[in-house]
Amino acid sequence: MPSHKSFRTKQKLARAQKQNRPIPQWIRLRTNNTIRYGDELENYGRGVEMMVTNGV
C-alpha cells in the first residue's frame, strides 16, 4: 500500500477501521445475548487491501 493514498482510499480505510470493533455490552443485554458480535467482524483478520477491494 503506498504511503500517499487518495482521499477516497483513506475514507474506505477509515470506515473499515471503525466497523472492526466489538458491539457494545448494552446491546448484548438488551437482546438477551442473541447477538454476540457485529456482522462487520466477519472480515476480521483479513488484510486491509482485501477489505477495501470487497467494498467493506
PDB file of N, CA and C in Angstrom:
ATOM      1  N   MET A   1       0.852  -1.176   0.000  1.00  0.00           N
ATOM      2  CA  MET A   1       0.000   0.000   0.000  1.00  0.00           C
ATOM      3  C   MET A   1       0.896   1.236   0.000  1.00  0.00           C
ATOM      4  N   PRO A   2       0.715   2.140  -0.936  1.00  0.00           N
ATOM      5  CA  PRO A   2       1.563   3.322  -0.988  1.00  0.00           C
ATOM      6  C   PRO A   2       1.300   4.243   0.202  1.00  0.00           C
ATOM      7  N   SER A   3       2.323   4.982   0.574  1.00  0.00           N
ATOM      8  CA  SER A   3       2.138   5.883   1.711  1.00  0.00           C
ATOM      9  C   SER A   3       1.295   7.093   1.333  1.00  0.00           C
ATOM     10  N   HIS A   4       1.265   7.462   0.061  1.00  0.00           N
ATOM     11  CA  HIS A   4       0.414   8.566  -0.391  1.00  0.00           C
ATOM     12  C   HIS A   4      -0.871   7.975  -0.947  1.00  0.00           C
ATOM     13  N   LYS A   5      -1.918   8.002  -0.125  1.00  0.00           N
ATOM     14  CA  LYS A   5      -3.189   7.418  -0.527  1.00  0.00           C
ATOM     15  C   LYS A   5      -4.107   8.502  -1.071  1.00  0.00           C
ATOM     16  N   SER A   6      -5.002   8.112  -1.952  1.00  0.00           N
ATOM     17  CA  SER A   6      -6.013   9.063  -2.400  1.00  0.00           C
ATOM     18  C   SER A   6      -7.013   9.263  -1.261  1.00  0.00           C
ATOM     19  N   PHE A   7      -7.756  10.344  -1.325  1.00  0.00           N
ATOM     20  CA  PHE A   7      -8.725  10.634  -0.264  1.00  0.00           C
ATOM     21  C   PHE A   7      -9.800   9.556  -0.203  1.00  0.00           C
ATOM     22  N   ARG A   8     -10.200   9.055  -1.353  1.00  0.00           N
ATOM     23  CA  ARG A   8     -11.236   8.015  -1.415  1.00  0.00           C
ATOM     24  C   ARG A   8     -10.760   6.737  -0.714  1.00  0.00           C
ATOM     25  N   THR A   9      -9.518   6.348  -0.969  1.00  0.00           N
ATOM     26  CA  THR A   9      -8.968   5.162  -0.319  1.00  0.00           C
ATOM     27  C   THR A   9      -8.883   5.371   1.182  1.00  0.00           C
ATOM     28  N   LYS A  10      -8.487   6.572   1.580  1.00  0.00           N
ATOM     29  CA  LYS A  10      -8.363   6.880   3.000  1.00  0.00           C
ATOM     30  C   LYS A  10      -9.727   6.804   3.698  1.00  0.00           C
ATOM     31  N   GLN A  11     -10.772   7.264   3.017  1.00  0.00           N
ATOM     32  CA  GLN A  11     -12.116   7.189   3.573  1.00  0.00           C
ATOM     33  C   GLN A  11     -12.550   5.740   3.765  1.00  0.00           C
ATOM     34  N   LYS A  12     -12.279   4.906   2.780  1.00  0.00           N
ATOM     35  CA  LYS A  12     -12.665   3.496   2.879  1.00  0.00           C
ATOM     36  C   LYS A  12     -11.929   2.807   4.019  1.00  0.00           C
ATOM     37  N   LEU A  13     -10.648   3.119   4.172  1.00  0.00           N
ATOM     38  CA  LEU A  13      -9.870   2.515   5.252  1.00  0.00           C
ATOM     39  C   LEU A  13     -10.390   2.963   6.613  1.00  0.00           C
ATOM     40  N   ALA A  14     -10.748   4.237   6.724  1.00  0.00           N
ATOM     41  CA  ALA A  14     -11.261   4.752   7.990  1.00  0.00           C
ATOM     42  C   ALA A  14     -12.584   4.089   8.342  1.00  0.00           C
ATOM     43  N   ARG A  15     -13.434   3.894   7.348  1.00  0.00           N
ATOM     44  CA  ARG A  15     -14.721   3.244   7.590  1.00  0.00           C
ATOM     45  C   ARG A  15     -14.517   1.799   8.038  1.00  0.00           C
ATOM     46  N   ALA A  16     -13.613   1.090   7.371  1.00  0.00           N
ATOM     47  CA  ALA A  16     -13.350  -0.299   7.735  1.00  0.00           C
ATOM     48  C   ALA A  16     -12.782  -0.386   9.146  1.00  0.00           C
ATOM     49  N   GLN A  17     -11.962   0.578   9.510  1.00  0.00           N
ATOM     50  CA  GLN A  17     -11.366   0.581  10.843  1.00  0.00           C
ATOM     51  C   GLN A  17     -12.424   0.830  11.913  1.00  0.00           C
ATOM     52  N   LYS A  18     -13.382   1.711  11.626  1.00  0.00           N
ATOM     53  CA  LYS A  18     -14.439   1.994  12.590  1.00  0.00           C
ATOM     54  C   LYS A  18     -15.374   0.806  12.774  1.00  0.00           C
ATOM     55  N   GLN A  19     -15.604   0.055  11.707  1.00  0.00           N
ATOM     56  CA  GLN A  19     -16.537  -1.062  11.790  1.00  0.00           C
ATOM     57  C   GLN A  19     -15.939  -2.255  12.518  1.00  0.00           C
ATOM     58  N   ASN A  20     -14.638  -2.356  12.548  1.00  0.00           N
ATOM     59  CA  ASN A  20     -13.992  -3.530  13.127  1.00  0.00           C
ATOM     60  C   ASN A  20     -13.827  -3.345  14.631  1.00  0.00           C
ATOM     61  N   ARG A  21     -14.939  -3.374  15.351  1.00  0.00           N
ATOM     62  CA  ARG A  21     -14.912  -3.251  16.797  1.00  0.00           C
ATOM     63  C   ARG A  21     -16.033  -4.104  17.375  1.00  0.00           C
ATOM     64  N   PRO A  22     -15.895  -4.522  18.622  1.00  0.00           N
ATOM     65  CA  PRO A  22     -16.955  -5.329  19.215  1.00  0.00           C
ATOM     66  C   PRO A  22     -18.223  -4.506  19.444  1.00  0.00           C
ATOM     67  N   ILE A  23     -19.362  -5.193  19.543  1.00  0.00           N
ATOM     68  CA  ILE A  23     -20.610  -4.476  19.780  1.00  0.00           C
ATOM     69  C   ILE A  23     -20.649  -4.038  21.240  1.00  0.00           C
ATOM     70  N   PRO A  24     -21.378  -2.965  21.557  1.00  0.00           N
ATOM     71  CA  PRO A  24     -21.476  -2.506  22.947  1.00  0.00           C
ATOM     72  C   PRO A  24     -22.163  -3.555  23.833  1.00  0.00           C
ATOM     73  N   GLN A  25     -21.776  -3.568  25.103  1.00  0.00           N
ATOM     74  CA  GLN A  25     -22.315  -4.567  26.028  1.00  0.00           C
ATOM     75  C   GLN A  25     -23.808  -4.389  26.263  1.00  0.00           C
ATOM     76  N   TRP A  26     -24.298  -3.145  26.194  1.00  0.00           N
ATOM     77  CA  TRP A  26     -25.716  -2.929  26.459  1.00  0.00           C
ATOM     78  C   TRP A  26     -26.584  -3.564  25.373  1.00  0.00           C
ATOM     79  N   ILE A  27     -26.052  -3.714  24.166  1.00  0.00           N
ATOM     80  CA  ILE A  27     -26.814  -4.385  23.108  1.00  0.00           C
ATOM     81  C   ILE A  27     -26.937  -5.871  23.428  1.00  0.00           C
ATOM     82  N   ARG A  28     -25.868  -6.453  23.962  1.00  0.00           N
ATOM     83  CA  ARG A  28     -25.933  -7.865  24.351  1.00  0.00           C
ATOM     84  C   ARG A  28     -26.956  -8.069  25.461  1.00  0.00           C
ATOM     85  N   LEU A  29     -27.032  -7.110  26.389  1.00  0.00           N
ATOM     86  CA  LEU A  29     -28.019  -7.220  27.463  1.00  0.00           C
ATOM     87  C   LEU A  29     -29.435  -7.059  26.926  1.00  0.00           C
ATOM     88  N   ARG A  30     -29.618  -6.087  26.021  1.00  0.00           N
ATOM     89  CA  ARG A  30     -30.954  -5.797  25.504  1.00  0.00           C
ATOM     90  C   ARG A  30     -31.498  -6.947  24.656  1.00  0.00           C
ATOM     91  N   THR A  31     -30.623  -7.605  23.897  1.00  0.00           N
ATOM     92  CA  THR A  31     -31.077  -8.682  23.013  1.00  0.00           C
ATOM     93  C   THR A  31     -30.969 -10.046  23.679  1.00  0.00           C
ATOM     94  N   ASN A  32     -30.726 -10.049  24.980  1.00  0.00           N
ATOM     95  CA  ASN A  32     -30.618 -11.294  25.743  1.00  0.00           C
ATOM     96  C   ASN A  32     -29.520 -12.191  25.193  1.00  0.00           C
ATOM     97  N   ASN A  33     -28.433 -11.580  24.787  1.00  0.00           N
ATOM     98  CA  ASN A  33     -27.214 -12.260  24.340  1.00  0.00           C
ATOM     99  C   ASN A  33     -27.404 -13.066  23.052  1.00  0.00           C
ATOM    100  N   THR A  34     -28.412 -12.730  22.239  1.00  0.00           N
ATOM    101  CA  THR A  34     -28.581 -13.443  20.973  1.00  0.00           C
ATOM    102  C   THR A  34     -27.636 -12.897  19.911  1.00  0.00           C
ATOM    103  N   ILE A  35     -27.259 -11.629  20.032  1.00  0.00           N
ATOM    104  CA  ILE A  35     -26.276 -11.042  19.121  1.00  0.00           C
ATOM    105  C   ILE A  35     -24.958 -10.986  19.875  1.00  0.00           C
ATOM    106  N   ARG A  36     -23.986 -11.767  19.445  1.00  0.00           N
ATOM    107  CA  ARG A  36     -22.730 -11.840  20.189  1.00  0.00           C
ATOM    108  C   ARG A  36     -21.624 -11.016  19.563  1.00  0.00           C
ATOM    109  N   TYR A  37     -21.693 -10.776  18.268  1.00  0.00           N
ATOM    110  CA  TYR A  37     -20.659  -9.974  17.620  1.00  0.00           C
ATOM    111  C   TYR A  37     -21.276  -9.276  16.425  1.00  0.00           C
ATOM    112  N   GLY A  38     -20.647  -8.175  16.017  1.00  0.00           N
ATOM    113  CA  GLY A  38     -21.149  -7.419  14.886  1.00  0.00           C
ATOM    114  C   GLY A  38     -20.899  -8.147  13.581  1.00  0.00           C
ATOM    115  N   ASP A  39     -21.770  -7.947  12.617  1.00  0.00           N
ATOM    116  CA  ASP A  39     -21.618  -8.651  11.348  1.00  0.00           C
ATOM    117  C   ASP A  39     -20.425  -8.138  10.553  1.00  0.00           C
ATOM    118  N   GLU A  40     -19.896  -6.965  10.901  1.00  0.00           N
ATOM    119  CA  GLU A  40     -18.708  -6.477  10.209  1.00  0.00           C
ATOM    120  C   GLU A  40     -17.462  -7.274  10.592  1.00  0.00           C
ATOM    121  N   LEU A  41     -17.518  -7.959  11.723  1.00  0.00           N
ATOM    122  CA  LEU A  41     -16.350  -8.704  12.184  1.00  0.00           C
ATOM    123  C   LEU A  41     -16.109  -9.969  11.376  1.00  0.00           C
ATOM    124  N   GLU A  42     -16.972 -10.274  10.409  1.00  0.00           N
ATOM    125  CA  GLU A  42     -16.702 -11.443   9.573  1.00  0.00           C
ATOM    126  C   GLU A  42     -15.464 -11.223   8.728  1.00  0.00           C
ATOM    127  N   ASN A  43     -15.044  -9.978   8.564  1.00  0.00           N
ATOM    128  CA  ASN A  43     -13.836  -9.674   7.814  1.00  0.00           C
ATOM    129  C   ASN A  43     -12.617  -9.571   8.722  1.00  0.00           C
ATOM    130  N   TYR A  44     -12.754  -9.951   9.986  1.00  0.00           N
ATOM    131  CA  TYR A  44     -11.659  -9.840  10.929  1.00  0.00           C
ATOM    132  C   TYR A  44     -10.497 -10.726  10.492  1.00  0.00           C
ATOM    133  N   GLY A  45      -9.290 -10.197  10.545  1.00  0.00           N
ATOM    134  CA  GLY A  45      -8.099 -10.956  10.209  1.00  0.00           C
ATOM    135  C   GLY A  45      -7.729 -10.877   8.746  1.00  0.00           C
ATOM    136  N   ARG A  46      -8.583 -10.329   7.923  1.00  0.00           N
ATOM    137  CA  ARG A  46      -8.229 -10.162   6.519  1.00  0.00           C
ATOM    138  C   ARG A  46      -7.337  -8.941   6.385  1.00  0.00           C
ATOM    139  N   GLY A  47      -6.596  -8.904   5.320  1.00  0.00           N
ATOM    140  CA  GLY A  47      -5.757  -7.748   5.079  1.00  0.00           C
ATOM    141  C   GLY A  47      -6.587  -6.525   4.743  1.00  0.00           C
ATOM    142  N   VAL A  48      -6.033  -5.360   4.975  1.00  0.00           N
ATOM    143  CA  VAL A  48      -6.744  -4.113   4.703  1.00  0.00           C
ATOM    144  C   VAL A  48      -7.076  -4.001   3.224  1.00  0.00           C
ATOM    145  N   GLU A  49      -6.162  -4.418   2.363  1.00  0.00           N
ATOM    146  CA  GLU A  49      -6.405  -4.331   0.924  1.00  0.00           C
ATOM    147  C   GLU A  49      -7.598  -5.190   0.530  1.00  0.00           C
ATOM    148  N   MET A  50      -7.734  -6.333   1.174  1.00  0.00           N
ATOM    149  CA  MET A  50      -8.850  -7.223   0.858  1.00  0.00           C
ATOM    150  C   MET A  50     -10.171  -6.575   1.239  1.00  0.00           C
ATOM    151  N   MET A  51     -10.196  -5.884   2.384  1.00  0.00           N
ATOM    152  CA  MET A  51     -11.421  -5.240   2.819  1.00  0.00           C
ATOM    153  C   MET A  51     -11.789  -4.094   1.890  1.00  0.00           C
ATOM    154  N   VAL A  52     -10.794  -3.368   1.410  1.00  0.00           N
ATOM    155  CA  VAL A  52     -11.063  -2.241   0.529  1.00  0.00           C
ATOM    156  C   VAL A  52     -11.583  -2.738  -0.812  1.00  0.00           C
ATOM    157  N   THR A  53     -10.996  -3.802  -1.328  1.00  0.00           N
ATOM    158  CA  THR A  53     -11.433  -4.296  -2.633  1.00  0.00           C
ATOM    159  C   THR A  53     -12.815  -4.923  -2.553  1.00  0.00           C
ATOM    160  N   ASN A  54     -13.194  -5.445  -1.381  1.00  0.00           N
ATOM    161  CA  ASN A  54     -14.527  -6.016  -1.232  1.00  0.00           C
ATOM    162  C   ASN A  54     -15.576  -4.962  -0.955  1.00  0.00           C
ATOM    163  N   GLY A  55     -15.161  -3.728  -0.743  1.00  0.00           N
ATOM    164  CA  GLY A  55     -16.111  -2.653  -0.507  1.00  0.00           C
ATOM    165  C   GLY A  55     -16.692  -2.638   0.888  1.00  0.00           C
ATOM    166  N   VAL A  56     -15.945  -3.149   1.848  1.00  0.00           N
ATOM    167  CA  VAL A  56     -16.435  -3.160   3.226  1.00  0.00           C
ATOM    168  C   VAL A  56     -16.225  -1.800   3.834  1.00  0.00           C
TER     169      VAL A  56
END
